[in-house]
Amino acid sequence: IEKILEKIVTKALTPISTVSKKLAKKDSQRDWLKENLKV
């Protein structure tokens, strides 16, 4: 039950629409780039 509830909450907090998913991905990439990563 705890795992099912956790999945439901995670699913609810995850962007649902295609547009929001793309925006979330872009924001994540921007955060990486802001840190000016060097390997």
PDB file of all heavy atoms in Angstrom:
ATOM      1  N   ILE A   1       0.835  -1.203   0.000  1.00  0.00           N
ATOM      2  CA  ILE A   1       0.000   0.000   0.000  1.00  0.00           C
ATOM      3  C   ILE A   1       0.865   1.246   0.000  1.00  0.00           C
ATOM      4  O   ILE A   1       0.603   2.218  -0.708  1.00  0.00           O
ATOM      5  CB  ILE A   1      -0.953  -0.009   1.216  1.00  0.00           C
ATOM      6  CG1 ILE A   1      -1.949  -1.155   1.087  1.00  0.00           C
ATOM      7  CG2 ILE A   1      -1.678   1.334   1.348  1.00  0.00           C
ATOM      8  CD1 ILE A   1      -2.826  -1.365   2.296  1.00  0.00           C
ATOM      9  N   GLU A   2       1.949   1.205   0.815  1.00  0.00           N
ATOM     10  CA  GLU A   2       2.848   2.360   0.885  1.00  0.00           C
ATOM     11  C   GLU A   2       3.506   2.635  -0.472  1.00  0.00           C
ATOM     12  O   GLU A   2       3.616   3.789  -0.911  1.00  0.00           O
ATOM     13  CB  GLU A   2       3.930   2.101   1.942  1.00  0.00           C
ATOM     14  CG  GLU A   2       4.853   3.288   2.174  1.00  0.00           C
ATOM     15  CD  GLU A   2       5.876   3.002   3.252  1.00  0.00           C
ATOM     16  OE1 GLU A   2       5.728   1.987   3.963  1.00  0.00           O
ATOM     17  OE2 GLU A   2       6.817   3.801   3.401  1.00  0.00           O
ATOM     18  N   LYS A   3       3.925   1.570  -1.163  1.00  0.00           N
ATOM     19  CA  LYS A   3       4.550   1.738  -2.468  1.00  0.00           C
ATOM     20  C   LYS A   3       3.547   2.273  -3.496  1.00  0.00           C
ATOM     21  O   LYS A   3       3.881   3.119  -4.331  1.00  0.00           O
ATOM     22  CB  LYS A   3       5.127   0.397  -2.952  1.00  0.00           C
ATOM     23  CG  LYS A   3       6.359  -0.042  -2.184  1.00  0.00           C
ATOM     24  CD  LYS A   3       6.885  -1.365  -2.699  1.00  0.00           C
ATOM     25  CE  LYS A   3       8.130  -1.800  -1.932  1.00  0.00           C
ATOM     26  NZ  LYS A   3       8.629  -3.115  -2.391  1.00  0.00           N
ATOM     27  N   ILE A   4       2.305   1.766  -3.425  1.00  0.00           N
ATOM     28  CA  ILE A   4       1.278   2.230  -4.361  1.00  0.00           C
ATOM     29  C   ILE A   4       0.996   3.710  -4.154  1.00  0.00           C
ATOM     30  O   ILE A   4       0.907   4.490  -5.106  1.00  0.00           O
ATOM     31  CB  ILE A   4      -0.010   1.401  -4.185  1.00  0.00           C
ATOM     32  CG1 ILE A   4       0.227  -0.043  -4.663  1.00  0.00           C
ATOM     33  CG2 ILE A   4      -1.163   2.027  -4.961  1.00  0.00           C
ATOM     34  CD1 ILE A   4      -0.901  -0.985  -4.335  1.00  0.00           C
ATOM     35  N   LEU A   5       0.900   4.119  -2.868  1.00  0.00           N
ATOM     36  CA  LEU A   5       0.665   5.531  -2.573  1.00  0.00           C
ATOM     37  C   LEU A   5       1.825   6.393  -3.042  1.00  0.00           C
ATOM     38  O   LEU A   5       1.641   7.497  -3.570  1.00  0.00           O
ATOM     39  CB  LEU A   5       0.456   5.716  -1.060  1.00  0.00           C
ATOM     40  CG  LEU A   5      -0.871   5.161  -0.498  1.00  0.00           C
ATOM     41  CD1 LEU A   5      -0.887   5.300   1.018  1.00  0.00           C
ATOM     42  CD2 LEU A   5      -2.055   5.888  -1.115  1.00  0.00           C
ATOM     43  N   GLU A   6       3.061   5.872  -2.852  1.00  0.00           N
ATOM     44  CA  GLU A   6       4.243   6.622  -3.288  1.00  0.00           C
ATOM     45  C   GLU A   6       4.245   6.820  -4.797  1.00  0.00           C
ATOM     46  O   GLU A   6       4.559   7.903  -5.304  1.00  0.00           O
ATOM     47  CB  GLU A   6       5.511   5.871  -2.859  1.00  0.00           C
ATOM     48  CG  GLU A   6       6.794   6.618  -3.180  1.00  0.00           C
ATOM     49  CD  GLU A   6       8.018   5.849  -2.725  1.00  0.00           C
ATOM     50  OE1 GLU A   6       7.859   4.858  -1.985  1.00  0.00           O
ATOM     51  OE2 GLU A   6       9.125   6.236  -3.101  1.00  0.00           O
ATOM     52  N   LYS A   7       3.845   5.766  -5.542  1.00  0.00           N
ATOM     53  CA  LYS A   7       3.782   5.880  -7.001  1.00  0.00           C
ATOM     54  C   LYS A   7       2.712   6.880  -7.424  1.00  0.00           C
ATOM     55  O   LYS A   7       2.899   7.644  -8.370  1.00  0.00           O
ATOM     56  CB  LYS A   7       3.490   4.506  -7.612  1.00  0.00           C
ATOM     57  CG  LYS A   7       4.673   3.554  -7.577  1.00  0.00           C
ATOM     58  CD  LYS A   7       4.338   2.247  -8.261  1.00  0.00           C
ATOM     59  CE  LYS A   7       5.534   1.299  -8.263  1.00  0.00           C
ATOM     60  NZ  LYS A   7       5.224   0.009  -8.914  1.00  0.00           N
ATOM     61  N   ILE A   8       1.583   6.856  -6.695  1.00  0.00           N
ATOM     62  CA  ILE A   8       0.497   7.781  -7.036  1.00  0.00           C
ATOM     63  C   ILE A   8       0.933   9.222  -6.825  1.00  0.00           C
ATOM     64  O   ILE A   8       0.699  10.096  -7.662  1.00  0.00           O
ATOM     65  CB  ILE A   8      -0.759   7.463  -6.184  1.00  0.00           C
ATOM     66  CG1 ILE A   8      -1.334   6.104  -6.590  1.00  0.00           C
ATOM     67  CG2 ILE A   8      -1.806   8.558  -6.346  1.00  0.00           C
ATOM     68  CD1 ILE A   8      -2.451   5.618  -5.700  1.00  0.00           C
ATOM     69  N   VAL A   9       1.607   9.469  -5.683  1.00  0.00           N
ATOM     70  CA  VAL A   9       2.077  10.823  -5.387  1.00  0.00           C
ATOM     71  C   VAL A   9       3.114  11.270  -6.407  1.00  0.00           C
ATOM     72  O   VAL A   9       3.091  12.398  -6.916  1.00  0.00           O
ATOM     73  CB  VAL A   9       2.661  10.889  -3.958  1.00  0.00           C
ATOM     74  CG1 VAL A   9       3.323  12.247  -3.716  1.00  0.00           C
ATOM     75  CG2 VAL A   9       1.569  10.658  -2.934  1.00  0.00           C
ATOM     76  N   THR A  10       4.057  10.357  -6.736  1.00  0.00           N
ATOM     77  CA  THR A  10       5.096  10.687  -7.720  1.00  0.00           C
ATOM     78  C   THR A  10       4.484  11.002  -9.075  1.00  0.00           C
ATOM     79  O   THR A  10       4.886  11.948  -9.761  1.00  0.00           O
ATOM     80  CB  THR A  10       6.081   9.513  -7.864  1.00  0.00           C
ATOM     81  OG1 THR A  10       6.623   9.217  -6.582  1.00  0.00           O
ATOM     82  CG2 THR A  10       7.216   9.871  -8.805  1.00  0.00           C
ATOM     83  N   LYS A  11       3.483  10.186  -9.446  1.00  0.00           N
ATOM     84  CA  LYS A  11       2.823  10.394 -10.730  1.00  0.00           C
ATOM     85  C   LYS A  11       2.092  11.728 -10.746  1.00  0.00           C
ATOM     86  O   LYS A  11       2.071  12.443 -11.760  1.00  0.00           O
ATOM     87  CB  LYS A  11       1.826   9.252 -10.970  1.00  0.00           C
ATOM     88  CG  LYS A  11       1.281   9.192 -12.383  1.00  0.00           C
ATOM     89  CD  LYS A  11       2.332   8.715 -13.347  1.00  0.00           C
ATOM     90  CE  LYS A  11       1.784   8.538 -14.741  1.00  0.00           C
ATOM     91  NZ  LYS A  11       2.798   8.135 -15.708  1.00  0.00           N
ATOM     92  N   ALA A  12       1.510  12.077  -9.584  1.00  0.00           N
ATOM     93  CA  ALA A  12       0.761  13.327  -9.510  1.00  0.00           C
ATOM     94  C   ALA A  12       1.671  14.541  -9.621  1.00  0.00           C
ATOM     95  O   ALA A  12       1.291  15.578 -10.157  1.00  0.00           O
ATOM     96  CB  ALA A  12      -0.017  13.376  -8.198  1.00  0.00           C
ATOM     97  N   LEU A  13       2.908  14.392  -9.098  1.00  0.00           N
ATOM     98  CA  LEU A  13       3.844  15.511  -9.126  1.00  0.00           C
ATOM     99  C   LEU A  13       4.640  15.589 -10.415  1.00  0.00           C
ATOM    100  O   LEU A  13       5.329  16.566 -10.672  1.00  0.00           O
ATOM    101  CB  LEU A  13       4.812  15.406  -7.942  1.00  0.00           C
ATOM    102  CG  LEU A  13       4.171  15.545  -6.553  1.00  0.00           C
ATOM    103  CD1 LEU A  13       5.223  15.339  -5.481  1.00  0.00           C
ATOM    104  CD2 LEU A  13       3.494  16.899  -6.393  1.00  0.00           C
ATOM    105  N   THR A  14       4.579  14.531 -11.243  1.00  0.00           N
ATOM    106  CA  THR A  14       5.322  14.516 -12.506  1.00  0.00           C
ATOM    107  C   THR A  14       4.524  15.269 -13.567  1.00  0.00           C
ATOM    108  O   THR A  14       3.305  15.123 -13.642  1.00  0.00           O
ATOM    109  CB  THR A  14       5.533  13.062 -12.973  1.00  0.00           C
ATOM    110  OG1 THR A  14       6.232  12.375 -11.939  1.00  0.00           O
ATOM    111  CG2 THR A  14       6.373  13.021 -14.245  1.00  0.00           C
ATOM    112  N   PRO A  15       5.194  16.076 -14.391  1.00  0.00           N
ATOM    113  CA  PRO A  15       4.472  16.786 -15.454  1.00  0.00           C
ATOM    114  C   PRO A  15       3.713  15.808 -16.342  1.00  0.00           C
ATOM    115  O   PRO A  15       4.257  14.797 -16.770  1.00  0.00           O
ATOM    116  CB  PRO A  15       5.596  17.478 -16.232  1.00  0.00           C
ATOM    117  CG  PRO A  15       6.699  17.605 -15.261  1.00  0.00           C
ATOM    118  CD  PRO A  15       6.609  16.418 -14.362  1.00  0.00           C
ATOM    119  N   ILE A  16       2.435  16.114 -16.599  1.00  0.00           N
ATOM    120  CA  ILE A  16       1.586  15.179 -17.340  1.00  0.00           C
ATOM    121  C   ILE A  16       1.623  15.453 -18.831  1.00  0.00           C
ATOM    122  O   ILE A  16       1.777  14.550 -19.641  1.00  0.00           O
ATOM    123  CB  ILE A  16       0.135  15.268 -16.813  1.00  0.00           C
ATOM    124  CG1 ILE A  16       0.123  14.890 -15.323  1.00  0.00           C
ATOM    125  CG2 ILE A  16      -0.788  14.367 -17.596  1.00  0.00           C
ATOM    126  CD1 ILE A  16      -1.217  15.097 -14.662  1.00  0.00           C
ATOM    127  N   SER A  17       1.486  16.690 -19.217  1.00  0.00           N
ATOM    128  CA  SER A  17       1.409  17.006 -20.636  1.00  0.00           C
ATOM    129  C   SER A  17       2.776  16.967 -21.296  1.00  0.00           C
ATOM    130  O   SER A  17       3.801  17.094 -20.638  1.00  0.00           O
ATOM    131  CB  SER A  17       0.802  18.400 -20.822  1.00  0.00           C
ATOM    132  OG  SER A  17       1.691  19.375 -20.316  1.00  0.00           O
ATOM    133  N   THR A  18       2.781  16.790 -22.606  1.00  0.00           N
ATOM    134  CA  THR A  18       4.030  16.764 -23.366  1.00  0.00           C
ATOM    135  C   THR A  18       4.760  18.078 -23.253  1.00  0.00           C
ATOM    136  O   THR A  18       5.990  18.126 -23.122  1.00  0.00           O
ATOM    137  CB  THR A  18       3.732  16.456 -24.844  1.00  0.00           C
ATOM    138  OG1 THR A  18       2.973  15.267 -24.929  1.00  0.00           O
ATOM    139  CG2 THR A  18       5.015  16.298 -25.630  1.00  0.00           C
ATOM    140  N   VAL A  19       4.003  19.184 -23.282  1.00  0.00           N
ATOM    141  CA  VAL A  19       4.615  20.507 -23.208  1.00  0.00           C
ATOM    142  C   VAL A  19       5.322  20.698 -21.877  1.00  0.00           C
ATOM    143  O   VAL A  19       6.465  21.155 -21.808  1.00  0.00           O
ATOM    144  CB  VAL A  19       3.543  21.603 -23.402  1.00  0.00           C
ATOM    145  CG1 VAL A  19       4.152  22.979 -23.206  1.00  0.00           C
ATOM    146  CG2 VAL A  19       2.924  21.485 -24.791  1.00  0.00           C
ATOM    147  N   SER A  20       4.641  20.316 -20.771  1.00  0.00           N
ATOM    148  CA  SER A  20       5.248  20.496 -19.453  1.00  0.00           C
ATOM    149  C   SER A  20       6.469  19.614 -19.285  1.00  0.00           C
ATOM    150  O   SER A  20       7.428  19.979 -18.616  1.00  0.00           O
ATOM    151  CB  SER A  20       4.224  20.197 -18.357  1.00  0.00           C
ATOM    152  OG  SER A  20       3.747  18.873 -18.470  1.00  0.00           O
ATOM    153  N   LYS A  21       6.455  18.402 -19.887  1.00  0.00           N
ATOM    154  CA  LYS A  21       7.625  17.532 -19.826  1.00  0.00           C
ATOM    155  C   LYS A  21       8.814  18.165 -20.524  1.00  0.00           C
ATOM    156  O   LYS A  21       9.944  18.128 -20.029  1.00  0.00           O
ATOM    157  CB  LYS A  21       7.310  16.178 -20.468  1.00  0.00           C
ATOM    158  CG  LYS A  21       6.458  15.274 -19.599  1.00  0.00           C
ATOM    159  CD  LYS A  21       6.224  13.943 -20.289  1.00  0.00           C
ATOM    160  CE  LYS A  21       5.370  13.026 -19.423  1.00  0.00           C
ATOM    161  NZ  LYS A  21       5.125  11.729 -20.074  1.00  0.00           N
ATOM    162  N   LYS A  22       8.571  18.760 -21.688  1.00  0.00           N
ATOM    163  CA  LYS A  22       9.654  19.409 -22.422  1.00  0.00           C
ATOM    164  C   LYS A  22      10.206  20.589 -21.644  1.00  0.00           C
ATOM    165  O   LYS A  22      11.420  20.800 -21.574  1.00  0.00           O
ATOM    166  CB  LYS A  22       9.144  19.873 -23.788  1.00  0.00           C
ATOM    167  CG  LYS A  22       8.891  18.733 -24.769  1.00  0.00           C
ATOM    168  CD  LYS A  22       8.425  19.264 -26.103  1.00  0.00           C
ATOM    169  CE  LYS A  22       8.198  18.124 -27.103  1.00  0.00           C
ATOM    170  NZ  LYS A  22       7.712  18.628 -28.392  1.00  0.00           N
ATOM    171  N   LEU A  23       9.293  21.357 -21.030  1.00  0.00           N
ATOM    172  CA  LEU A  23       9.742  22.509 -20.240  1.00  0.00           C
ATOM    173  C   LEU A  23      10.557  22.064 -19.046  1.00  0.00           C
ATOM    174  O   LEU A  23      11.573  22.674 -18.699  1.00  0.00           O
ATOM    175  CB  LEU A  23       8.519  23.312 -19.772  1.00  0.00           C
ATOM    176  CG  LEU A  23       7.776  24.097 -20.868  1.00  0.00           C
ATOM    177  CD1 LEU A  23       6.527  24.733 -20.297  1.00  0.00           C
ATOM    178  CD2 LEU A  23       8.691  25.164 -21.475  1.00  0.00           C
ATOM    179  N   ALA A  24      10.112  20.966 -18.395  1.00  0.00           N
ATOM    180  CA  ALA A  24      10.858  20.463 -17.235  1.00  0.00           C
ATOM    181  C   ALA A  24      12.238  20.001 -17.647  1.00  0.00           C
ATOM    182  O   ALA A  24      13.224  20.229 -16.946  1.00  0.00           O
ATOM    183  CB  ALA A  24      10.082  19.299 -16.591  1.00  0.00           C
ATOM    184  N   LYS A  25      12.326  19.339 -18.816  1.00  0.00           N
ATOM    185  CA  LYS A  25      13.629  18.869 -19.307  1.00  0.00           C
ATOM    186  C   LYS A  25      14.544  20.042 -19.611  1.00  0.00           C
ATOM    187  O   LYS A  25      15.733  20.035 -19.284  1.00  0.00           O
ATOM    188  CB  LYS A  25      13.414  18.009 -20.550  1.00  0.00           C
ATOM    189  CG  LYS A  25      14.685  17.330 -21.042  1.00  0.00           C
ATOM    190  CD  LYS A  25      14.379  16.406 -22.193  1.00  0.00           C
ATOM    191  CE  LYS A  25      15.640  15.714 -22.674  1.00  0.00           C
ATOM    192  NZ  LYS A  25      15.371  14.811 -23.800  1.00  0.00           N
ATOM    193  N   LYS A  26      13.987  21.092 -20.243  1.00  0.00           N
ATOM    194  CA  LYS A  26      14.786  22.260 -20.570  1.00  0.00           C
ATOM    195  C   LYS A  26      15.283  22.960 -19.311  1.00  0.00           C
ATOM    196  O   LYS A  26      16.419  23.403 -19.217  1.00  0.00           O
ATOM    197  CB  LYS A  26      13.971  23.229 -21.419  1.00  0.00           C
ATOM    198  CG  LYS A  26      13.750  22.756 -22.855  1.00  0.00           C
ATOM    199  CD  LYS A  26      12.955  23.771 -23.638  1.00  0.00           C
ATOM    200  CE  LYS A  26      12.742  23.295 -25.090  1.00  0.00           C
ATOM    201  NZ  LYS A  26      11.933  24.261 -25.847  1.00  0.00           N
ATOM    202  N   ASP A  27      14.404  23.068 -18.300  1.00  0.00           N
ATOM    203  CA  ASP A  27      14.797  23.711 -17.046  1.00  0.00           C
ATOM    204  C   ASP A  27      15.919  22.934 -16.372  1.00  0.00           C
ATOM    205  O   ASP A  27      16.855  23.509 -15.835  1.00  0.00           O
ATOM    206  CB  ASP A  27      13.597  23.792 -16.090  1.00  0.00           C
ATOM    207  CG  ASP A  27      12.565  24.812 -16.582  1.00  0.00           C
ATOM    208  OD1 ASP A  27      12.960  25.683 -17.389  1.00  0.00           O
ATOM    209  OD2 ASP A  27      11.398  24.729 -16.168  1.00  0.00           O
ATOM    210  N   SER A  28      15.824  21.583 -16.425  1.00  0.00           N
ATOM    211  CA  SER A  28      16.881  20.765 -15.839  1.00  0.00           C
ATOM    212  C   SER A  28      18.206  20.991 -16.554  1.00  0.00           C
ATOM    213  O   SER A  28      19.258  21.105 -15.930  1.00  0.00           O
ATOM    214  CB  SER A  28      16.478  19.284 -15.912  1.00  0.00           C
ATOM    215  OG  SER A  28      17.509  18.469 -15.438  1.00  0.00           O
ATOM    216  N   GLN A  29      18.147  21.065 -17.894  1.00  0.00           N
ATOM    217  CA  GLN A  29      19.376  21.294 -18.659  1.00  0.00           C
ATOM    218  C   GLN A  29      19.952  22.671 -18.353  1.00  0.00           C
ATOM    219  O   GLN A  29      21.168  22.835 -18.248  1.00  0.00           O
ATOM    220  CB  GLN A  29      19.077  21.169 -20.151  1.00  0.00           C
ATOM    221  CG  GLN A  29      18.799  19.737 -20.592  1.00  0.00           C
ATOM    222  CD  GLN A  29      18.404  19.657 -22.044  1.00  0.00           C
ATOM    223  OE1 GLN A  29      18.072  20.657 -22.667  1.00  0.00           O
ATOM    224  NE2 GLN A  29      18.426  18.453 -22.591  1.00  0.00           N
ATOM    225  N   ARG A  30      19.063  23.655 -18.185  1.00  0.00           N
ATOM    226  CA  ARG A  30      19.549  24.993 -17.869  1.00  0.00           C
ATOM    227  C   ARG A  30      20.269  25.004 -16.521  1.00  0.00           C
ATOM    228  O   ARG A  30      21.282  25.686 -16.337  1.00  0.00           O
ATOM    229  CB  ARG A  30      18.370  25.972 -17.823  1.00  0.00           C
ATOM    230  CG  ARG A  30      17.799  26.297 -19.190  1.00  0.00           C
ATOM    231  CD  ARG A  30      16.897  27.503 -19.111  1.00  0.00           C
ATOM    232  NE  ARG A  30      16.090  27.620 -20.297  1.00  0.00           N
ATOM    233  CZ  ARG A  30      14.811  27.286 -20.367  1.00  0.00           C
ATOM    234  NH1 ARG A  30      14.197  26.807 -19.300  1.00  0.00           N
ATOM    235  NH2 ARG A  30      14.138  27.428 -21.487  1.00  0.00           N
ATOM    236  N   ASP A  31      19.732  24.247 -15.556  1.00  0.00           N
ATOM    237  CA  ASP A  31      20.385  24.187 -14.241  1.00  0.00           C
ATOM    238  C   ASP A  31      21.783  23.611 -14.356  1.00  0.00           C
ATOM    239  O   ASP A  31      22.722  24.085 -13.723  1.00  0.00           O
ATOM    240  CB  ASP A  31      19.541  23.332 -13.281  1.00  0.00           C
ATOM    241  CG  ASP A  31      18.229  24.029 -12.929  1.00  0.00           C
ATOM    242  OD1 ASP A  31      18.168  25.261 -13.088  1.00  0.00           O
ATOM    243  OD2 ASP A  31      17.281  23.337 -12.513  1.00  0.00           O
ATOM    244  N   TRP A  32      21.931  22.551 -15.183  1.00  0.00           N
ATOM    245  CA  TRP A  32      23.258  21.968 -15.396  1.00  0.00           C
ATOM    246  C   TRP A  32      24.192  22.996 -16.039  1.00  0.00           C
ATOM    247  O   TRP A  32      25.333  23.159 -15.623  1.00  0.00           O
ATOM    248  CB  TRP A  32      23.148  20.741 -16.310  1.00  0.00           C
ATOM    249  CG  TRP A  32      22.712  19.504 -15.590  1.00  0.00           C
ATOM    250  CD1 TRP A  32      21.447  19.040 -15.445  1.00  0.00           C
ATOM    251  CD2 TRP A  32      23.542  18.568 -14.910  1.00  0.00           C
ATOM    252  NE1 TRP A  32      21.440  17.889 -14.721  1.00  0.00           N
ATOM    253  CE2 TRP A  32      22.707  17.566 -14.391  1.00  0.00           C
ATOM    254  CE3 TRP A  32      24.919  18.463 -14.697  1.00  0.00           C
ATOM    255  CZ2 TRP A  32      23.191  16.495 -13.667  1.00  0.00           C
ATOM    256  CZ3 TRP A  32      25.397  17.384 -13.984  1.00  0.00           C
ATOM    257  CH2 TRP A  32      24.543  16.423 -13.475  1.00  0.00           C
ATOM    258  N   LEU A  33      23.684  23.687 -17.066  1.00  0.00           N
ATOM    259  CA  LEU A  33      24.532  24.632 -17.782  1.00  0.00           C
ATOM    260  C   LEU A  33      24.919  25.823 -16.907  1.00  0.00           C
ATOM    261  O   LEU A  33      26.003  26.375 -17.044  1.00  0.00           O
ATOM    262  CB  LEU A  33      23.798  25.119 -19.038  1.00  0.00           C
ATOM    263  CG  LEU A  33      23.597  24.057 -20.129  1.00  0.00           C
ATOM    264  CD1 LEU A  33      22.712  24.606 -21.234  1.00  0.00           C
ATOM    265  CD2 LEU A  33      24.937  23.599 -20.701  1.00  0.00           C
ATOM    266  N   LYS A  34      24.017  26.216 -16.015  1.00  0.00           N
ATOM    267  CA  LYS A  34      24.319  27.323 -15.128  1.00  0.00           C
ATOM    268  C   LYS A  34      25.519  27.003 -14.244  1.00  0.00           C
ATOM    269  O   LYS A  34      26.262  27.881 -13.823  1.00  0.00           O
ATOM    270  CB  LYS A  34      23.099  27.637 -14.249  1.00  0.00           C
ATOM    271  CG  LYS A  34      22.008  28.401 -14.984  1.00  0.00           C
ATOM    272  CD  LYS A  34      20.822  28.625 -14.067  1.00  0.00           C
ATOM    273  CE  LYS A  34      19.680  29.308 -14.819  1.00  0.00           C
ATOM    274  NZ  LYS A  34      18.485  29.464 -13.967  1.00  0.00           N
ATOM    275  N   GLU A  35      25.696  25.736 -13.941  1.00  0.00           N
ATOM    276  CA  GLU A  35      26.810  25.348 -13.087  1.00  0.00           C
ATOM    277  C   GLU A  35      28.128  25.321 -13.855  1.00  0.00           C
ATOM    278  O   GLU A  35      29.179  25.123 -13.260  1.00  0.00           O
ATOM    279  CB  GLU A  35      26.533  23.971 -12.473  1.00  0.00           C
ATOM    280  CG  GLU A  35      25.359  23.978 -11.502  1.00  0.00           C
ATOM    281  CD  GLU A  35      25.281  22.686 -10.725  1.00  0.00           C
ATOM    282  OE1 GLU A  35      26.341  22.160 -10.328  1.00  0.00           O
ATOM    283  OE2 GLU A  35      24.165  22.185 -10.514  1.00  0.00           O
ATOM    284  N   ASN A  36      28.088  25.497 -15.174  1.00  0.00           N
ATOM    285  CA  ASN A  36      29.305  25.547 -15.987  1.00  0.00           C
ATOM    286  C   ASN A  36      30.176  24.317 -15.723  1.00  0.00           C
ATOM    287  O   ASN A  36      31.318  24.416 -15.267  1.00  0.00           O
ATOM    288  CB  ASN A  36      30.076  26.839 -15.675  1.00  0.00           C
ATOM    289  CG  ASN A  36      31.154  27.121 -16.703  1.00  0.00           C
ATOM    290  OD1 ASN A  36      31.213  26.491 -17.754  1.00  0.00           O
ATOM    291  ND2 ASN A  36      32.016  28.069 -16.389  1.00  0.00           N
ATOM    292  N   LEU A  37      29.620  23.160 -16.031  1.00  0.00           N
ATOM    293  CA  LEU A  37      30.292  21.895 -15.723  1.00  0.00           C
ATOM    294  C   LEU A  37      31.531  21.680 -16.577  1.00  0.00           C
ATOM    295  O   LEU A  37      31.530  21.964 -17.770  1.00  0.00           O
ATOM    296  CB  LEU A  37      29.334  20.728 -15.944  1.00  0.00           C
ATOM    297  CG  LEU A  37      28.123  20.638 -15.022  1.00  0.00           C
ATOM    298  CD1 LEU A  37      27.301  19.429 -15.387  1.00  0.00           C
ATOM    299  CD2 LEU A  37      28.543  20.567 -13.577  1.00  0.00           C
ATOM    300  N   LYS A  38      32.558  21.142 -15.928  1.00  0.00           N
ATOM    301  CA  LYS A  38      33.788  20.746 -16.623  1.00  0.00           C
ATOM    302  C   LYS A  38      34.177  19.366 -16.115  1.00  0.00           C
ATOM    303  O   LYS A  38      34.273  19.140 -14.913  1.00  0.00           O
ATOM    304  CB  LYS A  38      34.911  21.751 -16.351  1.00  0.00           C
ATOM    305  CG  LYS A  38      34.634  23.158 -16.875  1.00  0.00           C
ATOM    306  CD  LYS A  38      35.770  24.105 -16.541  1.00  0.00           C
ATOM    307  CE  LYS A  38      35.506  25.496 -17.109  1.00  0.00           C
ATOM    308  NZ  LYS A  38      34.367  26.157 -16.438  1.00  0.00           N
ATOM    309  N   VAL A  39      34.412  18.467 -17.065  1.00  0.00           N
ATOM    310  CA  VAL A  39      34.739  17.083 -16.728  1.00  0.00           C
ATOM    311  C   VAL A  39      36.236  16.859 -16.870  1.00  0.00           C
ATOM    312  O   VAL A  39      36.831  17.206 -17.903  1.00  0.00           O
ATOM    313  CB  VAL A  39      33.965  16.098 -17.638  1.00  0.00           C
ATOM    314  CG1 VAL A  39      34.292  14.664 -17.251  1.00  0.00           C
ATOM    315  CG2 VAL A  39      32.474  16.343 -17.533  1.00  0.00           C
TER     316      VAL A  39
END
